[in-house]
Protein backbone atom coordinates (compact mmCIF):
# COMPACT_ATOMS: atom_id res chain seq x y z
CA MET A 1 0.00 0.00 0.00
CA ASN A 2 1.21 3.49 -0.85
CA TRP A 3 -1.47 6.18 -0.55
CA GLN A 4 -0.43 9.76 -1.34
CA ARG A 5 -2.27 13.07 -1.45
CA ASP A 6 -1.36 16.72 -1.69
CA ILE A 7 -3.56 18.42 0.91
CA GLU A 8 -4.63 22.01 1.47
CA VAL A 9 -6.03 23.36 4.74
CA LEU A 10 -8.84 25.79 3.90
CA THR A 11 -9.25 27.34 7.36
CA PRO A 12 -6.87 28.26 10.21
CA LEU A 13 -5.02 25.20 11.49
CA PHE A 14 -4.68 25.08 15.29
CA ASN A 15 -2.41 22.03 15.50
CA ARG A 16 0.45 22.17 18.01
CA GLY A 17 2.87 19.97 19.87
CA ALA A 18 4.88 20.87 22.97
CA TYR A 19 5.15 24.56 22.10
CA GLN A 20 1.81 26.35 22.34
CA ASP A 21 2.98 29.32 20.27
CA THR A 22 4.24 27.22 17.36
CA PRO A 23 1.76 25.46 15.07
CA GLU A 24 2.78 22.19 13.44
CA ILE A 25 1.31 19.68 11.01
CA ARG A 26 1.64 16.68 13.29
CA VAL A 27 1.65 13.06 12.16
CA PRO A 28 0.19 11.77 15.47
CA SER A 29 -2.80 14.10 15.05
CA ILE A 30 -3.43 12.89 11.50
CA ARG A 31 -3.05 9.26 12.51
CA GLY A 32 -5.53 9.75 15.35
CA MET A 33 -8.11 11.32 13.06
CA VAL A 34 -7.79 8.58 10.44
CA ARG A 35 -8.03 5.92 13.14
CA TRP A 36 -11.23 7.54 14.45
CA TRP A 37 -12.83 7.49 11.01
CA PHE A 38 -11.75 3.88 10.55
CA ARG A 39 -13.83 3.01 13.62
CA GLN A 40 -16.84 4.95 12.38
CA LEU A 41 -16.82 3.08 9.09
CA GLU A 42 -16.69 -0.23 10.95
CA TYR A 43 -19.38 0.74 13.49
CA GLN A 44 -21.91 1.25 10.69
CA PHE A 45 -22.52 -2.48 10.55
CA LEU A 46 -22.96 -3.29 14.24
CA SER A 47 -25.80 -5.67 15.00
CA THR A 48 -28.66 -4.75 17.33
CA ASP A 49 -28.27 -8.15 18.96
CA GLU A 50 -26.19 -7.67 22.12
CA GLN A 51 -24.12 -10.83 21.88
CA GLN A 52 -23.43 -10.44 18.18
CA CYS A 53 -22.57 -6.77 18.73
CA ARG A 54 -19.95 -7.72 21.34
CA GLN A 55 -18.39 -10.18 18.93
CA GLN A 56 -18.32 -7.58 16.17
CA LEU A 57 -16.70 -5.00 18.46
CA ALA A 58 -14.01 -7.50 19.41
CA ALA A 59 -13.33 -8.15 15.73
CA ILE A 60 -13.17 -4.41 14.99
CA ARG A 61 -10.66 -3.87 17.81
CA GLU A 62 -8.50 -6.68 16.46
CA THR A 63 -8.59 -5.30 12.90
CA GLU A 64 -7.80 -1.81 14.17
CA LYS A 65 -4.87 -3.19 16.15
CA GLN A 66 -3.51 -4.96 13.08
CA LEU A 67 -3.53 -1.70 11.13
CA PHE A 68 -2.69 0.96 13.70
CA GLY A 69 -0.96 -1.04 16.41
CA GLY A 70 -1.81 -1.28 20.11
CA VAL A 71 -0.65 -2.46 23.52
CA HIS A 72 -3.71 -4.08 25.10
CA GLY A 73 -3.60 -7.86 24.98
CA GLY A 74 0.02 -7.82 23.80
CA ALA A 75 1.90 -5.05 22.02
CA VAL A 76 1.54 -4.93 18.23
CA ALA A 77 3.40 -2.44 16.02
CA SER A 78 1.44 -0.42 13.48
CA ARG A 79 1.43 -1.78 9.94
CA LEU A 80 0.90 1.77 8.62
CA VAL A 81 3.54 4.50 8.38
CA PHE A 82 2.34 8.12 8.08
CA ARG A 83 4.74 10.64 6.57
CA VAL A 84 4.26 14.39 6.10
CA SER A 85 6.49 16.32 3.68
CA ASN A 86 6.56 19.42 1.43
CA VAL A 87 4.98 21.60 4.09
CA ARG A 88 4.19 25.09 2.79
CA ALA A 89 2.51 27.07 5.54
CA GLN A 90 2.52 30.64 6.81
CA LEU A 91 1.94 31.65 10.40
CA ALA A 92 -1.34 33.48 10.82
CA ASN A 93 -0.79 37.13 11.73
CA PRO A 94 -2.59 38.12 13.85
CA ASN A 95 -3.48 34.90 15.62
CA PRO A 96 -7.03 33.96 14.60
CA PRO A 97 -9.82 33.45 17.16
CA THR A 98 -10.97 29.91 17.85
CA LEU A 99 -14.52 31.27 18.18
CA PRO A 100 -14.82 33.81 15.35
CA HIS A 101 -18.53 34.43 15.93
CA LYS A 102 -17.69 36.08 19.29
CA GLN A 103 -15.87 39.20 20.42
CA GLY A 104 -13.36 39.63 23.27
CA CYS A 105 -11.66 37.10 25.52
CA GLN A 106 -14.06 34.29 24.72
CA ALA A 107 -12.82 34.31 21.15
CA SER A 108 -9.49 32.91 22.42
CA PRO A 109 -6.99 33.80 19.66
CA GLN A 110 -4.32 31.11 19.36
CA ALA A 111 -1.26 30.43 17.23
CA ALA A 112 -2.21 28.82 13.93
CA PHE A 113 -1.19 28.34 10.34
CA ALA A 114 -3.06 30.69 8.02
CA PRO A 115 -5.63 29.28 5.56
CA GLY A 116 -3.97 27.86 2.48
CA ALA A 117 -1.36 25.76 4.25
CA ARG A 118 -0.32 22.77 2.13
CA PHE A 119 1.47 19.51 2.71
CA LYS A 120 1.94 16.07 1.22
CA LEU A 121 0.69 13.06 3.15
CA GLU A 122 2.01 9.60 2.34
CA VAL A 123 0.75 6.47 4.08
CA PHE A 124 2.42 3.16 3.29
CA SER A 125 2.49 -0.31 4.76
CA ARG A 126 5.43 -2.09 6.37
CA PHE A 127 6.21 -5.65 7.49
CA GLY A 128 5.05 -6.92 4.10
CA ASP A 129 2.00 -6.25 1.99
CA LEU A 130 -1.34 -5.78 3.68
CA PRO A 131 -4.10 -8.28 2.98
CA SER A 132 -6.38 -6.73 0.36
CA GLU A 133 -9.30 -6.35 2.78
CA LEU A 134 -7.16 -4.51 5.32
CA GLU A 135 -5.68 -2.27 2.64
CA THR A 136 -9.16 -1.35 1.42
CA LYS A 137 -10.26 -0.49 4.96
CA ALA A 138 -7.19 1.70 5.49
CA ILE A 139 -7.65 3.56 2.21
CA ASN A 140 -11.37 4.09 2.87
CA ALA A 141 -10.59 5.61 6.28
CA LEU A 142 -8.04 7.98 4.71
CA GLU A 143 -10.44 9.06 1.98
CA VAL A 144 -13.34 9.65 4.37
CA TRP A 145 -11.11 11.64 6.75
CA LEU A 146 -9.97 13.86 3.87
CA LEU A 147 -13.54 14.49 2.67
CA LEU A 148 -15.41 14.71 6.01
CA GLY A 149 -12.72 15.24 8.63
CA SER A 150 -10.40 18.00 9.78
CA LEU A 151 -7.26 18.46 11.84
CA GLY A 152 -6.31 20.12 15.11
CA LEU A 153 -8.22 22.21 17.63
CA ARG A 154 -11.83 23.07 16.69
CA ALA A 155 -11.78 20.31 14.10
CA ASN A 156 -15.53 19.71 14.59
CA ARG A 157 -16.34 23.39 14.13
CA GLY A 158 -14.63 24.41 10.92
CA GLY A 159 -11.02 24.61 12.10
CA GLY A 160 -8.30 22.81 10.16
CA SER A 161 -10.56 21.91 7.23
CA VAL A 162 -8.40 19.62 5.08
CA TRP A 163 -9.18 19.18 1.39
CA PRO A 164 -7.53 17.45 -1.62
CA ALA A 165 -5.16 19.76 -3.52
CA ASP A 166 -3.95 17.37 -6.22
CA GLY A 167 -6.89 17.38 -8.64
CA SER A 168 -8.71 14.55 -6.87
CA ALA A 169 -11.26 16.78 -5.07
CA PRO A 170 -14.93 16.35 -6.02
CA LYS A 171 -16.26 18.99 -8.38
CA ASP A 172 -19.86 19.00 -7.15
CA SER A 173 -22.23 17.42 -4.65
CA ASP A 174 -22.96 14.44 -6.88
CA GLU A 175 -19.29 13.57 -7.21
CA LEU A 176 -18.78 14.05 -3.47
CA ARG A 177 -21.67 11.66 -2.77
CA GLU A 178 -20.24 9.00 -5.05
CA MET A 179 -16.76 9.30 -3.55
CA LEU A 180 -18.15 8.84 -0.04
CA ARG A 181 -20.22 5.86 -1.09
CA LYS A 182 -17.24 4.31 -2.82
CA ALA A 183 -15.28 4.70 0.43
CA GLY A 184 -17.94 2.70 2.27
CA LEU A 185 -19.92 5.45 4.01
CA THR A 186 -23.50 4.16 4.22
CA GLU A 187 -25.08 5.14 7.54
CA TRP A 188 -23.74 8.63 8.15
CA SER A 189 -25.77 11.60 6.96
CA VAL A 190 -24.10 14.47 5.06
CA ALA A 191 -25.45 17.89 4.07
CA LEU A 192 -24.03 20.92 2.28
CA VAL A 193 -24.96 24.34 3.65
CA GLY A 194 -24.63 27.69 1.90
CA LEU A 195 -23.12 26.49 -1.38
CA ASP A 196 -24.83 29.22 -3.43
CA LYS A 197 -24.29 32.02 -0.90
CA LYS A 198 -20.70 32.87 -1.90
CA LYS A 199 -19.55 33.21 1.70
CA SER A 200 -15.87 33.45 2.60
CA THR A 201 -14.16 30.61 4.42
CA GLU A 202 -13.98 32.72 7.58
CA ASP A 203 -17.69 33.57 7.39
CA LEU A 204 -18.42 29.86 7.11
CA ARG A 205 -16.11 29.01 10.01
CA ALA A 206 -17.81 31.67 12.14
CA THR A 207 -21.17 30.05 11.40
CA ALA A 208 -19.83 26.59 12.27
CA THR A 209 -18.73 27.81 15.70
CA ASP A 210 -22.12 29.42 16.45
CA THR A 211 -23.93 26.36 17.81
CA ILE A 212 -25.96 25.77 20.99
CA LYS A 213 -24.83 27.19 24.33
CA GLY A 214 -24.39 25.00 27.39
CA ASN A 215 -25.03 21.27 27.45
CA THR A 216 -28.40 21.36 25.70
CA ARG A 217 -28.63 18.40 23.32
CA ARG A 218 -25.17 17.08 24.09
CA ASP A 219 -26.22 14.04 22.01
CA ILE A 220 -26.16 16.37 19.00
CA PHE A 221 -23.48 18.97 19.80
CA GLY A 222 -21.40 17.38 22.59
CA SER A 223 -20.52 19.18 25.81
CA VAL A 224 -17.64 20.81 27.65
CA SER A 225 -18.38 19.34 31.09
CA PRO A 226 -18.45 16.41 31.07
CA ARG A 227 -16.20 16.46 28.03
CA LEU A 228 -18.02 14.92 25.08
CA SER A 229 -16.94 15.33 21.49
CA SER A 230 -19.65 16.63 19.19
CA PRO A 231 -21.33 13.88 17.16
CA THR A 232 -22.32 16.55 14.62
CA LYS A 233 -19.34 17.89 12.70
CA PHE A 234 -18.82 20.88 10.42
CA LYS A 235 -16.01 21.69 8.02
CA VAL A 236 -15.42 24.11 5.15
CA ILE A 237 -15.08 22.53 1.72
CA ARG A 238 -14.49 23.81 -1.82
CA LEU A 239 -16.40 22.61 -4.87
CA ASP A 240 -16.37 24.10 -8.36
CA ASP A 241 -19.26 26.41 -7.38
CA GLY A 242 -17.33 27.80 -4.42
CA TYR A 243 -16.97 27.29 -0.69
CA CYS A 244 -19.66 25.93 1.61
CA LEU A 245 -20.11 24.19 4.93
CA LEU A 246 -20.27 20.43 5.08
CA ALA A 247 -22.27 19.06 8.01
CA CYS A 248 -22.26 15.38 8.95
CA ALA A 249 -23.61 13.19 11.74
CA PRO A 250 -23.94 9.44 12.43
CA SER A 251 -27.64 9.42 11.51
CA LEU A 252 -30.13 11.36 9.43
CA GLN A 253 -32.26 12.13 12.48
CA ALA A 254 -29.29 13.63 14.33
CA LEU A 255 -28.41 15.89 11.42
CA ARG A 256 -32.00 17.02 10.90
CA ASP A 257 -32.23 17.79 14.62
CA ALA A 258 -29.03 19.85 14.32
CA GLU A 259 -30.47 21.80 11.38
CA ARG A 260 -33.72 22.52 13.22
CA LEU A 261 -31.98 23.60 16.43
CA LEU A 262 -29.45 25.86 14.71
CA THR A 263 -31.82 27.61 12.32
CA THR A 264 -34.48 28.29 15.00
CA LYS A 265 -32.31 29.16 18.01
CA PRO A 266 -32.17 32.75 19.31
CA ASN A 267 -29.81 34.89 17.22
CA ALA A 268 -29.72 32.36 14.40
CA ASN A 269 -28.76 35.02 11.84
CA LEU A 270 -25.56 33.32 10.69
CA TRP A 271 -27.27 29.98 10.07
CA GLN A 272 -30.34 31.49 8.46
CA ALA A 273 -28.12 33.45 6.08
CA LEU A 274 -26.83 30.16 4.64
CA GLY A 275 -30.30 28.99 3.66
CA ASN A 276 -31.53 25.42 3.31
CA TRP A 277 -29.42 22.36 4.03
CA ASN A 278 -28.85 20.19 0.95
CA TYR A 279 -28.76 16.55 2.07
CA ILE A 280 -26.56 14.37 -0.15
CA LEU A 281 -26.40 11.26 2.09
CA PRO A 282 -28.04 8.96 2.89
């Protein structure tokens, strides 16, 4: 296996290591994101029968360990090597806010790479060739991460929106739908928001950060305390018609609930300005 992509980051990238004032494009962060999407692709097929579900989860953990490595039940080295090269990125100046829909201290400006950062990602196998089924699963996880996922802080709210920069990006919603289906995404729901509104990437990121305050509907938007990652995710993408928000969630009902809550909440001006949500999956 040797998967390669030139990647552009369309929005500020808040990805750092030990030094909080120095952004980086970090391999461990990319690996973690791809591994997360690998699980989501596998979880789509879990049985509703409790015993069968436990067996499936055990099989998923074993497959994940074969690909990404692990220590539980005996240490296993990763079969996949992630390599970042050809980094072309400028420091944002001034530091962008993590919450661009707000003013003042709550906006929390942090060190980031400016929009337009580029890098090459190569993922290849070691310790011999991967079985064809494992290779397909690894490639599908990489493709879905690149189309639906992001990188770094605020990755679920429009930060670090990665996108293909080598001519492989989808041109329109139909091509995006087919690419996701080809990569094995069947149960997740995906919608495009504001494609015809000609908004800037920063306007779109500001909208993505303007969700629901507090822990209301943590099953849709997650929560700060207790810490729960948002099941509903937003990123900025670029099609031939321009930039828009991509929204995705594990089920159609969850995404429709997110649309209803965001477009009817108090001060919903940013969301209402983007118009109707165009559902492309399922």
